[in-house]
Each structure stands twice: as C-alpha cells, then as structure tokens.
Amino acid sequence: MTAKQQVPSIRRHLLWEYNWDDIDFSRLATVVIERVIERGNADEWQEIVNFYGIDKILAVANKSTRLDKKHKKFTPLYLQSGFIHDPQRSGHYPS
C-alpha cells in the first residue's frame, strides 16, 4: 500500500490472509467487496459504497463465483433499502 493510497475503513480481520500494509485496495476490489458482502456490518457496507460505488459492488456481486445465491440476491436488496447512501449518485440507491 502506498503512502497516498486511500484505505476503506473496514475491519482488518475481514482480509486476514493479507498483509494489511501491502494491500492494493484497487487491485483487490473484488475480494474486499465479496468479504464485506459476506461478513461486513452496516458501516462497512457504507464504506465500500463510498470507496467503490454501487455500480462496482453490483458488478462484483453479479459476476462473483465465490458468493452464494443468498448473498447475490441480498446485495441489490440491501443497497435499495435506504440504509445506504451513495455519494456518487447524490442520494440513495436507486434515485
């Protein structure tokens, strides 16, 4: 991880098998998003929306071979629930 790289505010143990200081969050976006979908709390969901955006999260969830059907179906429902704010869309998903 470079000194200038932004880091999403998520619990380190979600990525337990990686050295936190060496993580490239852009390169590992799929892994980070999948972990938060599977094990993240509401604050971590909001953080990945802020960091990656809803479109990226939905794309990862749809293409994932790692997530089970339950998590794939839950992701768009949770993002539409009103609990998540997408600053890239200036409102909740969907607007």
C-alpha atoms as a PDB file:
ATOM      1  CA  MET A   1       0.000   0.000   0.000  1.00  0.00           C
ATOM      2  CA  THR A   2       1.479   3.329  -0.980  1.00  0.00           C
ATOM      3  CA  ALA A   3       1.509   6.264   1.401  1.00  0.00           C
ATOM      4  CA  LYS A   4      -1.018   8.146  -0.758  1.00  0.00           C
ATOM      5  CA  GLN A   5      -3.429   5.260  -1.304  1.00  0.00           C
ATOM      6  CA  GLN A   6      -6.793   5.638   0.369  1.00  0.00           C
ATOM      7  CA  VAL A   7      -7.925   2.786   2.554  1.00  0.00           C
ATOM      8  CA  PRO A   8     -11.554   1.883   3.232  1.00  0.00           C
ATOM      9  CA  SER A   9     -12.425   1.834   6.913  1.00  0.00           C
ATOM     10  CA  ILE A  10     -13.163  -1.857   7.359  1.00  0.00           C
ATOM     11  CA  ARG A  11     -12.067  -4.347   9.995  1.00  0.00           C
ATOM     12  CA  ARG A  12      -8.658  -5.785   9.191  1.00  0.00           C
ATOM     13  CA  HIS A  13      -9.677  -9.324  10.046  1.00  0.00           C
ATOM     14  CA  LEU A  14     -12.024  -9.378   7.035  1.00  0.00           C
ATOM     15  CA  LEU A  15      -8.838  -9.705   4.981  1.00  0.00           C
ATOM     16  CA  TRP A  16      -6.981 -11.848   7.491  1.00  0.00           C
ATOM     17  CA  GLU A  17      -4.839 -13.696   4.941  1.00  0.00           C
ATOM     18  CA  TYR A  18      -3.337 -10.484   3.510  1.00  0.00           C
ATOM     19  CA  ASN A  19      -0.689  -8.200   4.970  1.00  0.00           C
ATOM     20  CA  TRP A  20      -2.768  -5.065   5.589  1.00  0.00           C
ATOM     21  CA  ASP A  21       0.124  -2.717   4.853  1.00  0.00           C
ATOM     22  CA  ASP A  22       0.670  -4.307   1.426  1.00  0.00           C
ATOM     23  CA  ILE A  23      -2.947  -4.433   0.230  1.00  0.00           C
ATOM     24  CA  ASP A  24      -3.724  -2.615  -3.004  1.00  0.00           C
ATOM     25  CA  PHE A  25      -7.423  -1.902  -2.493  1.00  0.00           C
ATOM     26  CA  SER A  26      -7.958  -1.112  -6.164  1.00  0.00           C
ATOM     27  CA  ARG A  27      -6.431  -4.385  -7.309  1.00  0.00           C
ATOM     28  CA  LEU A  28      -8.204  -6.416  -4.610  1.00  0.00           C
ATOM     29  CA  ALA A  29     -11.574  -4.708  -5.047  1.00  0.00           C
ATOM     30  CA  THR A  30     -13.361  -7.975  -5.805  1.00  0.00           C
ATOM     31  CA  VAL A  31     -12.032  -9.678  -2.675  1.00  0.00           C
ATOM     32  CA  VAL A  32     -12.779  -6.676  -0.458  1.00  0.00           C
ATOM     33  CA  ILE A  33     -16.323  -6.305  -1.798  1.00  0.00           C
ATOM     34  CA  GLU A  34     -17.059 -10.038  -1.502  1.00  0.00           C
ATOM     35  CA  ARG A  35     -15.825 -10.108   2.108  1.00  0.00           C
ATOM     36  CA  VAL A  36     -17.934  -7.141   3.115  1.00  0.00           C
ATOM     37  CA  ILE A  37     -20.985  -8.634   1.380  1.00  0.00           C
ATOM     38  CA  GLU A  38     -20.447 -11.901   3.268  1.00  0.00           C
ATOM     39  CA  ARG A  39     -19.238 -10.659   6.658  1.00  0.00           C
ATOM     40  CA  GLY A  40     -19.458  -6.884   6.818  1.00  0.00           C
ATOM     41  CA  ASN A  41     -21.540  -4.755   9.125  1.00  0.00           C
ATOM     42  CA  ALA A  42     -23.663  -1.771   8.052  1.00  0.00           C
ATOM     43  CA  ASP A  43     -20.788   0.690   8.479  1.00  0.00           C
ATOM     44  CA  GLU A  44     -18.532  -1.447   6.280  1.00  0.00           C
ATOM     45  CA  TRP A  45     -21.214  -1.672   3.600  1.00  0.00           C
ATOM     46  CA  GLN A  46     -21.445   2.117   3.616  1.00  0.00           C
ATOM     47  CA  GLU A  47     -17.663   2.334   3.456  1.00  0.00           C
ATOM     48  CA  ILE A  48     -17.383   0.147   0.350  1.00  0.00           C
ATOM     49  CA  VAL A  49     -20.160   2.154  -1.305  1.00  0.00           C
ATOM     50  CA  ASN A  50     -18.190   5.323  -0.571  1.00  0.00           C
ATOM     51  CA  PHE A  51     -14.947   3.733  -1.733  1.00  0.00           C
ATOM     52  CA  TYR A  52     -16.016   1.693  -4.791  1.00  0.00           C
ATOM     53  CA  GLY A  53     -19.532   2.888  -5.648  1.00  0.00           C
ATOM     54  CA  ILE A  54     -22.766   0.945  -6.007  1.00  0.00           C
ATOM     55  CA  ASP A  55     -22.228   0.088  -9.681  1.00  0.00           C
ATOM     56  CA  LYS A  56     -18.910  -1.643  -8.900  1.00  0.00           C
ATOM     57  CA  ILE A  57     -20.429  -3.528  -5.952  1.00  0.00           C
ATOM     58  CA  LEU A  58     -23.348  -4.757  -8.065  1.00  0.00           C
ATOM     59  CA  ALA A  59     -20.990  -5.805 -10.871  1.00  0.00           C
ATOM     60  CA  VAL A  60     -18.810  -7.780  -8.459  1.00  0.00           C
ATOM     61  CA  ALA A  61     -21.827  -9.443  -6.834  1.00  0.00           C
ATOM     62  CA  ASN A  62     -23.306 -10.412 -10.210  1.00  0.00           C
ATOM     63  CA  LYS A  63     -20.050 -11.825 -11.611  1.00  0.00           C
ATOM     64  CA  SER A  64     -18.790 -13.471  -8.435  1.00  0.00           C
ATOM     65  CA  THR A  65     -18.223 -17.204  -8.457  1.00  0.00           C
ATOM     66  CA  ARG A  66     -17.416 -17.078  -4.749  1.00  0.00           C
ATOM     67  CA  LEU A  67     -20.669 -15.615  -3.395  1.00  0.00           C
ATOM     68  CA  ASP A  68     -23.612 -17.932  -2.880  1.00  0.00           C
ATOM     69  CA  LYS A  69     -27.095 -17.212  -4.259  1.00  0.00           C
ATOM     70  CA  LYS A  70     -28.290 -15.811  -0.930  1.00  0.00           C
ATOM     71  CA  HIS A  71     -25.600 -13.114  -0.893  1.00  0.00           C
ATOM     72  CA  LYS A  72     -26.057 -12.344  -4.584  1.00  0.00           C
ATOM     73  CA  LYS A  73     -29.793 -11.766  -4.077  1.00  0.00           C
ATOM     74  CA  PHE A  74     -29.315  -9.850  -0.827  1.00  0.00           C
ATOM     75  CA  THR A  75     -26.836  -7.319  -2.244  1.00  0.00           C
ATOM     76  CA  PRO A  76     -29.172  -5.290  -4.521  1.00  0.00           C
ATOM     77  CA  LEU A  77     -31.981  -5.528  -1.961  1.00  0.00           C
ATOM     78  CA  TYR A  78     -29.789  -4.096   0.789  1.00  0.00           C
ATOM     79  CA  LEU A  79     -28.441  -1.378  -1.479  1.00  0.00           C
ATOM     80  CA  GLN A  80     -32.042  -0.387  -2.343  1.00  0.00           C
ATOM     81  CA  SER A  81     -33.189  -0.485   1.284  1.00  0.00           C
ATOM     82  CA  GLY A  82     -32.459   3.159   2.036  1.00  0.00           C
ATOM     83  CA  PHE A  83     -29.842   2.307   4.660  1.00  0.00           C
ATOM     84  CA  ILE A  84     -27.044   3.032   2.199  1.00  0.00           C
ATOM     85  CA  HIS A  85     -26.235   6.463   0.793  1.00  0.00           C
ATOM     86  CA  ASP A  86     -24.251   6.673  -2.456  1.00  0.00           C
ATOM     87  CA  PRO A  87     -22.366   9.976  -2.631  1.00  0.00           C
ATOM     88  CA  GLN A  88     -21.563   9.309  -6.299  1.00  0.00           C
ATOM     89  CA  ARG A  89     -25.292   9.453  -7.088  1.00  0.00           C
ATOM     90  CA  SER A  90     -26.113  12.259  -4.638  1.00  0.00           C
ATOM     91  CA  GLY A  91     -28.761  10.198  -2.963  1.00  0.00           C
ATOM     92  CA  HIS A  92     -29.896   6.752  -2.050  1.00  0.00           C
ATOM     93  CA  TYR A  93     -29.883   3.865  -4.488  1.00  0.00           C
ATOM     94  CA  PRO A  94     -31.751   3.997  -6.760  1.00  0.00           C
ATOM     95  CA  SER A  95     -32.524   7.692  -7.121  1.00  0.00           C
END
